[in-house]
Amino acid sequence: MRPTAVGRPTAPDRLGRRLLPDADLPDWLHPLVHRIDGAELDSPLAALLDLATADARASAVLMLFAEGPHGPDLLLTGRSATLRSHAGQPAFPGGRGEPGEDDVTTALREAQEETGLDPTSVRPAALLPHVYLPPSRHLVRPVLAWWAEPGPVSAVDPAETALVARVPISELVDPAHRGVVTLRSGHRGPAFDVADLLVWGFTGALVDVLLTLGGWAVPWDTARVLPLAVEG
């Protein structure tokens, strides 16, 4: 089955779907891909799909795993502080789809534009269920991928991207780097203080889901509040 055309969303897809067999993935990614396939998103993010509107803006993000010098890692970015929306916030590479694109194509194109990665070195492994973001009206498809042949990455346009980092999973699961942030609305969500970047919000929630599904998460202090300078 081909990925949903991201440029023209229809009904939100509530189920995950694998795209690659185990033979094409490292052993440590198998549990994560297995638990995504055919499953709903076990996160407060899932409830937001009920708010999705017909005019939602189709988008995709790339959740790119690789094997680095410190073990498995995940590619994250920090948005420029000068952007009009979501300024200074953490993010996965990604953005809005163009007409005729599918989810995978959008995620890879945006990641290349933001970080300079070579799309041919990336193997899309699974699609997570859609996530709807009410403030921006974006219907986001998270694309999980295996970076089979990692290459150099950096912020291509500093006006858009301030930071690009490959963050080891060992740092993300370390309780010393974990906590929660509290928004003005009173909502509390998971956060990670890693790589000179406070990962929170939509991105932090997705990272939390990945760590749990991958079997990497360890107990951490859910009462520890990390300071949030700007909500964006």
C-alpha atoms as a PDB file:
ATOM      1  CA  MET A   1       0.000   0.000   0.000  1.00  0.00           C
ATOM      2  CA  ARG A   2       1.366   3.425  -0.911  1.00  0.00           C
ATOM      3  CA  PRO A   3       1.606   6.206   1.704  1.00  0.00           C
ATOM      4  CA  THR A   4      -1.325   8.582   1.848  1.00  0.00           C
ATOM      5  CA  ALA A   5      -0.935  11.576  -0.466  1.00  0.00           C
ATOM      6  CA  VAL A   6       0.190  14.193   2.001  1.00  0.00           C
ATOM      7  CA  GLY A   7      -0.743  17.146  -0.167  1.00  0.00           C
ATOM      8  CA  ARG A   8      -4.443  16.289  -0.069  1.00  0.00           C
ATOM      9  CA  PRO A   9      -5.447  14.785   3.284  1.00  0.00           C
ATOM     10  CA  THR A  10      -8.725  12.937   3.506  1.00  0.00           C
ATOM     11  CA  ALA A  11      -9.725  11.168   6.723  1.00  0.00           C
ATOM     12  CA  PRO A  12      -6.928  11.063   9.305  1.00  0.00           C
ATOM     13  CA  ASP A  13      -5.192   7.707   9.519  1.00  0.00           C
ATOM     14  CA  ARG A  14      -5.345   6.416  13.098  1.00  0.00           C
ATOM     15  CA  LEU A  15      -3.166   3.352  12.529  1.00  0.00           C
ATOM     16  CA  GLY A  16       0.572   2.993  12.067  1.00  0.00           C
ATOM     17  CA  ARG A  17       2.053   1.045   9.186  1.00  0.00           C
ATOM     18  CA  ARG A  18       5.455  -0.528   8.607  1.00  0.00           C
ATOM     19  CA  LEU A  19       7.220   0.026   5.295  1.00  0.00           C
ATOM     20  CA  LEU A  20      10.321  -2.168   5.605  1.00  0.00           C
ATOM     21  CA  PRO A  21      10.921  -5.799   6.638  1.00  0.00           C
ATOM     22  CA  ASP A  22      13.145  -6.632   9.597  1.00  0.00           C
ATOM     23  CA  ALA A  23      15.920  -7.758   7.261  1.00  0.00           C
ATOM     24  CA  ASP A  24      16.415  -4.153   6.124  1.00  0.00           C
ATOM     25  CA  LEU A  25      16.649  -2.723   9.644  1.00  0.00           C
ATOM     26  CA  PRO A  26      19.082  -3.022  12.567  1.00  0.00           C
ATOM     27  CA  ASP A  27      17.978  -5.369  15.341  1.00  0.00           C
ATOM     28  CA  TRP A  28      17.479  -2.547  17.844  1.00  0.00           C
ATOM     29  CA  LEU A  29      14.810  -0.939  15.632  1.00  0.00           C
ATOM     30  CA  HIS A  30      12.705  -4.099  15.282  1.00  0.00           C
ATOM     31  CA  PRO A  31      10.639  -3.676  18.492  1.00  0.00           C
ATOM     32  CA  LEU A  32       9.758  -0.080  17.631  1.00  0.00           C
ATOM     33  CA  VAL A  33       8.636  -0.860  14.080  1.00  0.00           C
ATOM     34  CA  HIS A  34       6.695  -3.946  15.230  1.00  0.00           C
ATOM     35  CA  ARG A  35       4.746  -1.926  17.818  1.00  0.00           C
ATOM     36  CA  ILE A  36       3.909   0.821  15.339  1.00  0.00           C
ATOM     37  CA  ASP A  37       2.507  -1.521  12.685  1.00  0.00           C
ATOM     38  CA  GLY A  38      -1.292  -1.616  12.837  1.00  0.00           C
ATOM     39  CA  ALA A  39      -1.410   0.226  16.162  1.00  0.00           C
ATOM     40  CA  GLU A  40      -3.055   3.428  17.302  1.00  0.00           C
ATOM     41  CA  LEU A  41      -0.995   6.152  18.942  1.00  0.00           C
ATOM     42  CA  ASP A  42      -0.943   5.549  22.700  1.00  0.00           C
ATOM     43  CA  SER A  43      -0.539   9.193  23.655  1.00  0.00           C
ATOM     44  CA  PRO A  44      -2.669  12.229  24.529  1.00  0.00           C
ATOM     45  CA  LEU A  45      -1.796  13.352  20.996  1.00  0.00           C
ATOM     46  CA  ALA A  46      -4.226  10.728  19.649  1.00  0.00           C
ATOM     47  CA  ALA A  47      -7.266  12.551  21.047  1.00  0.00           C
ATOM     48  CA  LEU A  48      -6.442  15.636  18.981  1.00  0.00           C
ATOM     49  CA  LEU A  49      -7.450  13.785  15.806  1.00  0.00           C
ATOM     50  CA  ASP A  50     -11.082  14.237  16.829  1.00  0.00           C
ATOM     51  CA  LEU A  51     -10.572  17.983  16.301  1.00  0.00           C
ATOM     52  CA  ALA A  52      -9.180  17.673  12.756  1.00  0.00           C
ATOM     53  CA  THR A  53     -11.002  19.769  10.169  1.00  0.00           C
ATOM     54  CA  ALA A  54     -11.492  19.179   6.450  1.00  0.00           C
ATOM     55  CA  ASP A  55      -9.191  22.092   5.619  1.00  0.00           C
ATOM     56  CA  ALA A  56      -6.290  20.773   7.716  1.00  0.00           C
ATOM     57  CA  ARG A  57      -2.853  21.508   6.283  1.00  0.00           C
ATOM     58  CA  ALA A  58      -1.129  18.267   5.351  1.00  0.00           C
ATOM     59  CA  SER A  59       2.411  17.975   6.716  1.00  0.00           C
ATOM     60  CA  ALA A  60       5.011  15.334   7.473  1.00  0.00           C
ATOM     61  CA  VAL A  61       8.027  15.088   9.772  1.00  0.00           C
ATOM     62  CA  LEU A  62      11.041  12.786   9.602  1.00  0.00           C
ATOM     63  CA  MET A  63      11.992  10.826  12.725  1.00  0.00           C
ATOM     64  CA  LEU A  64      15.406   9.638  11.607  1.00  0.00           C
ATOM     65  CA  PHE A  65      17.346   7.015  13.554  1.00  0.00           C
ATOM     66  CA  ALA A  66      20.996   6.208  12.941  1.00  0.00           C
ATOM     67  CA  GLU A  67      23.885   4.331  14.532  1.00  0.00           C
ATOM     68  CA  GLY A  68      26.454   6.791  15.880  1.00  0.00           C
ATOM     69  CA  PRO A  69      29.626   6.684  17.984  1.00  0.00           C
ATOM     70  CA  HIS A  70      27.483   6.658  21.136  1.00  0.00           C
ATOM     71  CA  GLY A  71      24.989   4.070  19.906  1.00  0.00           C
ATOM     72  CA  PRO A  72      21.580   4.648  18.300  1.00  0.00           C
ATOM     73  CA  ASP A  73      20.646   8.303  17.880  1.00  0.00           C
ATOM     74  CA  LEU A  74      17.785  10.499  16.676  1.00  0.00           C
ATOM     75  CA  LEU A  75      17.985  13.586  14.456  1.00  0.00           C
ATOM     76  CA  LEU A  76      16.474  16.739  15.977  1.00  0.00           C
ATOM     77  CA  THR A  77      16.492  20.401  15.043  1.00  0.00           C
ATOM     78  CA  GLY A  78      15.919  23.745  16.721  1.00  0.00           C
ATOM     79  CA  ARG A  79      13.875  26.366  14.876  1.00  0.00           C
ATOM     80  CA  SER A  80      15.275  29.857  14.441  1.00  0.00           C
ATOM     81  CA  ALA A  81      14.277  32.410  17.077  1.00  0.00           C
ATOM     82  CA  THR A  82      13.355  34.866  14.319  1.00  0.00           C
ATOM     83  CA  LEU A  83      10.591  32.771  12.736  1.00  0.00           C
ATOM     84  CA  ARG A  84       7.038  34.114  12.839  1.00  0.00           C
ATOM     85  CA  SER A  85       5.601  30.894  14.257  1.00  0.00           C
ATOM     86  CA  HIS A  86       7.011  28.315  16.671  1.00  0.00           C
ATOM     87  CA  ALA A  87      10.151  30.452  16.991  1.00  0.00           C
ATOM     88  CA  GLY A  88      12.982  28.814  18.904  1.00  0.00           C
ATOM     89  CA  GLN A  89      11.095  25.567  19.369  1.00  0.00           C
ATOM     90  CA  PRO A  90      12.491  22.037  18.952  1.00  0.00           C
ATOM     91  CA  ALA A  91      11.387  20.058  15.930  1.00  0.00           C
ATOM     92  CA  PHE A  92      11.811  17.046  13.754  1.00  0.00           C
ATOM     93  CA  PRO A  93      12.787  18.003  10.208  1.00  0.00           C
ATOM     94  CA  GLY A  94       9.603  18.432   8.221  1.00  0.00           C
ATOM     95  CA  GLY A  95       6.936  20.756   6.931  1.00  0.00           C
ATOM     96  CA  ARG A  96       3.942  21.166   4.664  1.00  0.00           C
ATOM     97  CA  GLY A  97       3.367  18.913   1.701  1.00  0.00           C
ATOM     98  CA  GLU A  98       3.316  20.057  -1.891  1.00  0.00           C
ATOM     99  CA  PRO A  99       0.652  18.975  -4.413  1.00  0.00           C
ATOM    100  CA  GLY A 100       1.129  15.384  -5.525  1.00  0.00           C
ATOM    101  CA  GLU A 101       3.575  14.458  -2.755  1.00  0.00           C
ATOM    102  CA  ASP A 102       3.130  11.519  -0.423  1.00  0.00           C
ATOM    103  CA  ASP A 103       4.127  11.599   3.245  1.00  0.00           C
ATOM    104  CA  VAL A 104       7.557  10.090   2.712  1.00  0.00           C
ATOM    105  CA  THR A 105       8.443  12.438  -0.130  1.00  0.00           C
ATOM    106  CA  THR A 106       7.456  15.481   1.913  1.00  0.00           C
ATOM    107  CA  ALA A 107       9.429  14.388   4.973  1.00  0.00           C
ATOM    108  CA  LEU A 108      12.574  13.652   2.956  1.00  0.00           C
ATOM    109  CA  ARG A 109      12.364  16.854   0.918  1.00  0.00           C
ATOM    110  CA  GLU A 110      11.927  19.026   3.983  1.00  0.00           C
ATOM    111  CA  ALA A 111      14.718  17.238   5.847  1.00  0.00           C
ATOM    112  CA  GLN A 112      17.077  17.790   2.933  1.00  0.00           C
ATOM    113  CA  GLU A 113      16.144  21.473   2.734  1.00  0.00           C
ATOM    114  CA  GLU A 114      16.638  21.994   6.474  1.00  0.00           C
ATOM    115  CA  THR A 115      19.659  19.807   7.273  1.00  0.00           C
ATOM    116  CA  GLY A 116      21.338  18.992   3.959  1.00  0.00           C
ATOM    117  CA  LEU A 117      20.997  15.230   4.396  1.00  0.00           C
ATOM    118  CA  ASP A 118      21.122  12.965   1.347  1.00  0.00           C
ATOM    119  CA  PRO A 119      17.625  11.449   0.910  1.00  0.00           C
ATOM    120  CA  THR A 120      19.064   8.422  -0.903  1.00  0.00           C
ATOM    121  CA  SER A 121      20.825   7.413   2.323  1.00  0.00           C
ATOM    122  CA  VAL A 122      17.522   7.180   4.203  1.00  0.00           C
ATOM    123  CA  ARG A 123      15.225   4.137   4.324  1.00  0.00           C
ATOM    124  CA  PRO A 124      11.651   4.952   5.404  1.00  0.00           C
ATOM    125  CA  ALA A 125      10.667   2.213   7.853  1.00  0.00           C
ATOM    126  CA  ALA A 126       7.177   3.038   9.154  1.00  0.00           C
ATOM    127  CA  LEU A 127       4.385   5.587   9.226  1.00  0.00           C
ATOM    128  CA  LEU A 128       2.945   6.580  12.584  1.00  0.00           C
ATOM    129  CA  PRO A 129      -0.725   7.570  12.856  1.00  0.00           C
ATOM    130  CA  HIS A 130      -1.592  11.129  11.900  1.00  0.00           C
ATOM    131  CA  VAL A 131      -1.389  13.810  14.577  1.00  0.00           C
ATOM    132  CA  TYR A 132      -3.502  16.969  14.413  1.00  0.00           C
ATOM    133  CA  LEU A 133      -2.120  20.243  15.774  1.00  0.00           C
ATOM    134  CA  PRO A 134      -5.076  22.601  16.406  1.00  0.00           C
ATOM    135  CA  PRO A 135      -3.127  25.894  16.739  1.00  0.00           C
ATOM    136  CA  SER A 136      -1.644  25.600  13.238  1.00  0.00           C
ATOM    137  CA  ARG A 137      -4.319  23.290  11.765  1.00  0.00           C
ATOM    138  CA  HIS A 138      -1.588  20.938  10.563  1.00  0.00           C
ATOM    139  CA  LEU A 139      -2.398  17.264  10.003  1.00  0.00           C
ATOM    140  CA  VAL A 140       1.031  15.737  10.529  1.00  0.00           C
ATOM    141  CA  ARG A 141       2.232  12.310   9.432  1.00  0.00           C
ATOM    142  CA  PRO A 142       5.340  11.251  11.382  1.00  0.00           C
ATOM    143  CA  VAL A 143       7.635   9.178   9.135  1.00  0.00           C
ATOM    144  CA  LEU A 144      10.009   6.837  10.957  1.00  0.00           C
ATOM    145  CA  ALA A 145      13.199   6.116   9.032  1.00  0.00           C
ATOM    146  CA  TRP A 146      16.540   4.324   9.264  1.00  0.00           C
ATOM    147  CA  TRP A 147      19.598   6.331   8.228  1.00  0.00           C
ATOM    148  CA  ALA A 148      21.517   3.504   6.633  1.00  0.00           C
ATOM    149  CA  GLU A 149      24.442   5.647   5.485  1.00  0.00           C
ATOM    150  CA  PRO A 150      24.729   8.732   7.729  1.00  0.00           C
ATOM    151  CA  GLY A 151      26.423  11.790   6.309  1.00  0.00           C
ATOM    152  CA  PRO A 152      27.112  15.332   7.479  1.00  0.00           C
ATOM    153  CA  VAL A 153      24.152  17.506   8.450  1.00  0.00           C
ATOM    154  CA  SER A 154      23.908  21.141   9.509  1.00  0.00           C
ATOM    155  CA  ALA A 155      21.522  24.076   9.434  1.00  0.00           C
ATOM    156  CA  VAL A 156      21.159  24.899   5.733  1.00  0.00           C
ATOM    157  CA  ASP A 157      19.298  28.174   6.308  1.00  0.00           C
ATOM    158  CA  PRO A 158      20.025  29.803   9.704  1.00  0.00           C
ATOM    159  CA  ALA A 159      16.964  31.990   9.214  1.00  0.00           C
ATOM    160  CA  GLU A 160      14.846  28.838   9.479  1.00  0.00           C
ATOM    161  CA  THR A 161      16.933  26.337  11.444  1.00  0.00           C
ATOM    162  CA  ALA A 162      19.237  27.315  14.299  1.00  0.00           C
ATOM    163  CA  LEU A 163      20.515  23.898  15.317  1.00  0.00           C
ATOM    164  CA  VAL A 164      20.779  20.361  13.953  1.00  0.00           C
ATOM    165  CA  ALA A 165      21.793  17.568  16.308  1.00  0.00           C
ATOM    166  CA  ARG A 166      22.044  13.795  16.378  1.00  0.00           C
ATOM    167  CA  VAL A 167      21.019  13.008  19.946  1.00  0.00           C
ATOM    168  CA  PRO A 168      21.949   9.575  21.353  1.00  0.00           C
ATOM    169  CA  ILE A 169      19.031   7.538  22.672  1.00  0.00           C
ATOM    170  CA  SER A 170      21.109   6.989  25.816  1.00  0.00           C
ATOM    171  CA  GLU A 171      20.888  10.737  26.521  1.00  0.00           C
ATOM    172  CA  LEU A 172      17.168  10.945  25.815  1.00  0.00           C
ATOM    173  CA  VAL A 173      16.350   8.123  28.237  1.00  0.00           C
ATOM    174  CA  ASP A 174      18.717   9.357  30.970  1.00  0.00           C
ATOM    175  CA  PRO A 175      16.482  10.516  33.873  1.00  0.00           C
ATOM    176  CA  ALA A 176      18.903  13.408  34.441  1.00  0.00           C
ATOM    177  CA  HIS A 177      17.793  14.837  31.087  1.00  0.00           C
ATOM    178  CA  ARG A 178      14.061  14.261  31.521  1.00  0.00           C
ATOM    179  CA  GLY A 179      11.263  16.298  33.052  1.00  0.00           C
ATOM    180  CA  VAL A 180       8.020  18.053  32.211  1.00  0.00           C
ATOM    181  CA  VAL A 181       7.107  21.558  31.111  1.00  0.00           C
ATOM    182  CA  THR A 182       3.974  23.430  32.133  1.00  0.00           C
ATOM    183  CA  LEU A 183       2.353  25.717  29.572  1.00  0.00           C
ATOM    184  CA  ARG A 184       0.327  28.858  30.294  1.00  0.00           C
ATOM    185  CA  SER A 185      -2.786  26.790  29.620  1.00  0.00           C
ATOM    186  CA  GLY A 186      -1.822  24.509  32.490  1.00  0.00           C
ATOM    187  CA  HIS A 187      -1.047  21.581  30.181  1.00  0.00           C
ATOM    188  CA  ARG A 188       1.949  19.513  31.233  1.00  0.00           C
ATOM    189  CA  GLY A 189       3.982  17.453  28.805  1.00  0.00           C
ATOM    190  CA  PRO A 190       7.246  15.499  28.623  1.00  0.00           C
ATOM    191  CA  ALA A 191      10.477  17.381  27.984  1.00  0.00           C
ATOM    192  CA  PHE A 192      14.130  16.553  27.370  1.00  0.00           C
ATOM    193  CA  ASP A 193      17.121  18.790  28.124  1.00  0.00           C
ATOM    194  CA  VAL A 194      19.676  17.549  25.574  1.00  0.00           C
ATOM    195  CA  ALA A 195      22.188  18.871  23.028  1.00  0.00           C
ATOM    196  CA  ASP A 196      21.699  22.536  24.010  1.00  0.00           C
ATOM    197  CA  LEU A 197      18.027  22.056  23.199  1.00  0.00           C
ATOM    198  CA  LEU A 198      14.922  21.786  25.356  1.00  0.00           C
ATOM    199  CA  VAL A 199      12.712  19.293  23.529  1.00  0.00           C
ATOM    200  CA  TRP A 200       9.050  19.753  24.471  1.00  0.00           C
ATOM    201  CA  GLY A 201       5.571  20.199  22.987  1.00  0.00           C
ATOM    202  CA  PHE A 202       4.596  18.120  19.970  1.00  0.00           C
ATOM    203  CA  THR A 203       8.200  17.012  19.408  1.00  0.00           C
ATOM    204  CA  GLY A 204       8.728  16.082  23.052  1.00  0.00           C
ATOM    205  CA  ALA A 205       5.501  14.068  23.078  1.00  0.00           C
ATOM    206  CA  LEU A 206       6.564  12.139  19.969  1.00  0.00           C
ATOM    207  CA  VAL A 207      10.025  11.443  21.401  1.00  0.00           C
ATOM    208  CA  ASP A 208       8.350  10.116  24.553  1.00  0.00           C
ATOM    209  CA  VAL A 209       6.186   7.797  22.424  1.00  0.00           C
ATOM    210  CA  LEU A 210       9.218   6.518  20.491  1.00  0.00           C
ATOM    211  CA  LEU A 211      11.199   5.753  23.638  1.00  0.00           C
ATOM    212  CA  THR A 212       8.272   3.853  25.136  1.00  0.00           C
ATOM    213  CA  LEU A 213       7.434   1.857  22.008  1.00  0.00           C
ATOM    214  CA  GLY A 214      11.105   1.107  21.367  1.00  0.00           C
ATOM    215  CA  GLY A 215      11.460  -0.394  24.838  1.00  0.00           C
ATOM    216  CA  TRP A 216      14.175   2.095  25.784  1.00  0.00           C
ATOM    217  CA  ALA A 217      12.388   4.192  28.408  1.00  0.00           C
ATOM    218  CA  VAL A 218      13.408   3.873  32.055  1.00  0.00           C
ATOM    219  CA  PRO A 219      11.695   5.332  35.146  1.00  0.00           C
ATOM    220  CA  TRP A 220      12.150   9.093  35.530  1.00  0.00           C
ATOM    221  CA  ASP A 221      10.884  11.865  37.799  1.00  0.00           C
ATOM    222  CA  THR A 222       7.557  12.932  36.286  1.00  0.00           C
ATOM    223  CA  ALA A 223       7.266  15.686  38.913  1.00  0.00           C
ATOM    224  CA  ARG A 224      10.482  17.412  37.830  1.00  0.00           C
ATOM    225  CA  VAL A 225       9.581  20.670  36.080  1.00  0.00           C
ATOM    226  CA  LEU A 226      12.007  22.053  33.503  1.00  0.00           C
ATOM    227  CA  PRO A 227      11.951  25.830  32.931  1.00  0.00           C
ATOM    228  CA  LEU A 228      10.408  26.918  29.649  1.00  0.00           C
ATOM    229  CA  ALA A 229      11.605  30.338  28.491  1.00  0.00           C
ATOM    230  CA  VAL A 230       9.246  30.904  25.558  1.00  0.00           C
ATOM    231  CA  GLU A 231       6.187  28.984  24.346  1.00  0.00           C
ATOM    232  CA  GLY A 232       6.401  30.403  20.812  1.00  0.00           C
END
